[in-house]
């Protein structure tokens, strides 16, 4: 179940794997977001609407 949530989060992330978030890659950020949704704010390339979409994932 957890990996499905991570996969859904990854699809909404930019996929640049720039590491600017501090998690090394979009997959790393997705793992962090699955544990702590507020971690999505670490992504510097997502806009507010995209961040809201991730925060509202069930």
N, C-alpha and C. Protein backbone atom coordinates (compact mmCIF):
# COMPACT_ATOMS: atom_id res chain seq x y z
N UNK A 1 0.83 -1.19 0.00
CA UNK A 1 0.00 0.00 0.00
C UNK A 1 0.87 1.25 0.00
N UNK A 2 1.90 1.27 0.83
CA UNK A 2 2.77 2.44 0.92
C UNK A 2 3.45 2.74 -0.42
N UNK A 3 3.91 1.72 -1.13
CA UNK A 3 4.58 1.97 -2.40
C UNK A 3 3.62 2.52 -3.45
N UNK A 4 2.35 2.17 -3.38
CA UNK A 4 1.37 2.73 -4.31
C UNK A 4 1.20 4.22 -4.07
N UNK A 5 1.19 4.62 -2.81
CA UNK A 5 1.08 6.04 -2.49
C UNK A 5 2.32 6.78 -2.99
N UNK A 6 3.48 6.20 -2.79
CA UNK A 6 4.72 6.81 -3.27
C UNK A 6 4.69 6.96 -4.79
N UNK A 7 4.20 5.92 -5.48
CA UNK A 7 4.10 5.99 -6.94
C UNK A 7 3.16 7.10 -7.38
N UNK A 8 2.05 7.29 -6.67
CA UNK A 8 1.11 8.37 -7.02
C UNK A 8 1.76 9.74 -6.79
N UNK A 9 2.53 9.86 -5.72
CA UNK A 9 3.22 11.12 -5.43
C UNK A 9 4.26 11.39 -6.52
N UNK A 10 5.02 10.39 -6.90
CA UNK A 10 6.07 10.56 -7.91
C UNK A 10 5.47 11.08 -9.23
N UNK A 11 4.31 10.58 -9.58
CA UNK A 11 3.67 11.02 -10.83
C UNK A 11 3.33 12.51 -10.81
N UNK A 12 3.17 13.08 -9.63
CA UNK A 12 2.84 14.49 -9.51
C UNK A 12 4.06 15.39 -9.32
N UNK A 13 5.20 14.78 -9.08
CA UNK A 13 6.44 15.55 -8.92
C UNK A 13 7.05 15.83 -10.29
N UNK A 14 7.92 16.84 -10.38
CA UNK A 14 8.45 17.25 -11.69
C UNK A 14 9.38 16.24 -12.36
N UNK A 15 9.99 15.34 -11.59
CA UNK A 15 10.86 14.32 -12.19
C UNK A 15 12.24 14.81 -12.57
N UNK A 16 12.63 15.94 -12.07
CA UNK A 16 13.96 16.50 -12.40
C UNK A 16 15.08 15.84 -11.61
N UNK A 17 14.75 15.25 -10.48
CA UNK A 17 15.75 14.61 -9.62
C UNK A 17 16.93 15.54 -9.32
N UNK A 18 16.61 16.82 -9.12
CA UNK A 18 17.65 17.84 -8.92
C UNK A 18 18.27 17.78 -7.52
N UNK A 19 17.54 17.24 -6.55
CA UNK A 19 18.05 17.16 -5.19
C UNK A 19 17.95 18.45 -4.40
N UNK A 20 17.40 19.50 -5.00
CA UNK A 20 17.30 20.78 -4.30
C UNK A 20 16.41 20.69 -3.06
N UNK A 21 15.55 19.70 -3.01
CA UNK A 21 14.67 19.50 -1.87
C UNK A 21 15.41 18.98 -0.64
N UNK A 22 16.59 18.43 -0.88
CA UNK A 22 17.37 17.85 0.21
C UNK A 22 17.20 16.34 0.34
N UNK A 23 16.41 15.74 -0.57
CA UNK A 23 16.17 14.30 -0.50
C UNK A 23 16.84 13.53 -1.63
N UNK A 24 17.66 14.20 -2.43
CA UNK A 24 18.46 13.53 -3.43
C UNK A 24 17.78 13.27 -4.76
N UNK A 25 16.49 12.99 -4.74
CA UNK A 25 15.75 12.69 -5.96
C UNK A 25 14.27 12.86 -5.69
N UNK A 26 13.50 12.83 -6.77
CA UNK A 26 12.04 12.92 -6.60
C UNK A 26 11.51 11.70 -5.84
N UNK A 27 12.11 10.54 -6.05
CA UNK A 27 11.68 9.35 -5.31
C UNK A 27 11.95 9.53 -3.82
N UNK A 28 13.10 10.09 -3.49
CA UNK A 28 13.41 10.36 -2.09
C UNK A 28 12.42 11.33 -1.46
N UNK A 29 12.08 12.36 -2.21
CA UNK A 29 11.08 13.32 -1.72
C UNK A 29 9.72 12.64 -1.58
N UNK A 30 9.35 11.80 -2.53
CA UNK A 30 8.07 11.10 -2.45
C UNK A 30 7.99 10.23 -1.20
N UNK A 31 9.08 9.55 -0.87
CA UNK A 31 9.11 8.75 0.36
C UNK A 31 8.91 9.63 1.58
N UNK A 32 9.60 10.77 1.59
CA UNK A 32 9.47 11.70 2.72
C UNK A 32 8.05 12.23 2.82
N UNK A 33 7.44 12.56 1.69
CA UNK A 33 6.08 13.10 1.67
C UNK A 33 5.08 12.05 2.14
N UNK A 34 5.32 10.78 1.83
CA UNK A 34 4.40 9.74 2.28
C UNK A 34 4.38 9.63 3.80
N UNK A 35 5.49 9.96 4.45
CA UNK A 35 5.56 9.96 5.91
C UNK A 35 5.14 11.30 6.52
N UNK A 36 5.50 12.39 5.82
CA UNK A 36 5.23 13.74 6.31
C UNK A 36 4.83 14.61 5.12
N UNK A 37 3.54 14.75 4.85
CA UNK A 37 3.08 15.49 3.68
C UNK A 37 3.65 16.91 3.57
N UNK A 38 3.97 17.53 4.67
CA UNK A 38 4.52 18.89 4.65
C UNK A 38 5.87 18.95 3.94
N UNK A 39 6.54 17.82 3.78
CA UNK A 39 7.83 17.78 3.09
C UNK A 39 7.71 18.22 1.63
N UNK A 40 6.50 18.20 1.08
CA UNK A 40 6.30 18.64 -0.30
C UNK A 40 6.74 20.08 -0.49
N UNK A 41 6.72 20.87 0.56
CA UNK A 41 7.13 22.27 0.47
C UNK A 41 8.63 22.41 0.21
N UNK A 42 9.39 21.33 0.35
CA UNK A 42 10.82 21.37 0.06
C UNK A 42 11.09 21.42 -1.45
N UNK A 43 10.13 21.03 -2.27
CA UNK A 43 10.32 21.03 -3.72
C UNK A 43 10.27 22.47 -4.23
N UNK A 44 11.35 22.89 -4.87
CA UNK A 44 11.45 24.28 -5.33
C UNK A 44 10.85 24.48 -6.72
N UNK A 45 10.53 23.41 -7.43
CA UNK A 45 10.01 23.56 -8.80
C UNK A 45 8.50 23.42 -8.90
N UNK A 46 7.86 22.85 -7.89
CA UNK A 46 6.40 22.72 -7.92
C UNK A 46 5.74 24.04 -7.55
N UNK A 47 4.64 24.32 -8.22
CA UNK A 47 3.85 25.49 -7.87
C UNK A 47 2.88 25.15 -6.76
N UNK A 48 2.20 26.16 -6.24
CA UNK A 48 1.26 25.94 -5.13
C UNK A 48 0.14 24.95 -5.46
N UNK A 49 -0.37 24.98 -6.69
CA UNK A 49 -1.46 24.08 -7.06
C UNK A 49 -1.00 22.63 -7.08
N UNK A 50 0.21 22.41 -7.60
CA UNK A 50 0.75 21.05 -7.63
C UNK A 50 1.01 20.53 -6.22
N UNK A 51 1.51 21.42 -5.36
CA UNK A 51 1.75 21.02 -3.97
C UNK A 51 0.43 20.68 -3.28
N UNK A 52 -0.60 21.46 -3.54
CA UNK A 52 -1.93 21.17 -2.97
C UNK A 52 -2.45 19.82 -3.45
N UNK A 53 -2.24 19.50 -4.73
CA UNK A 53 -2.67 18.21 -5.27
C UNK A 53 -2.02 17.06 -4.52
N UNK A 54 -0.74 17.20 -4.22
CA UNK A 54 -0.02 16.16 -3.49
C UNK A 54 -0.51 16.08 -2.06
N UNK A 55 -0.72 17.24 -1.42
CA UNK A 55 -1.20 17.25 -0.05
C UNK A 55 -2.59 16.63 0.09
N UNK A 56 -3.38 16.69 -0.97
CA UNK A 56 -4.74 16.17 -0.92
C UNK A 56 -4.86 14.72 -1.38
N UNK A 57 -3.75 14.06 -1.68
CA UNK A 57 -3.81 12.64 -2.05
C UNK A 57 -4.30 11.81 -0.88
N UNK A 58 -5.10 10.85 -1.17
CA UNK A 58 -5.61 9.93 -0.13
C UNK A 58 -4.91 8.61 -0.22
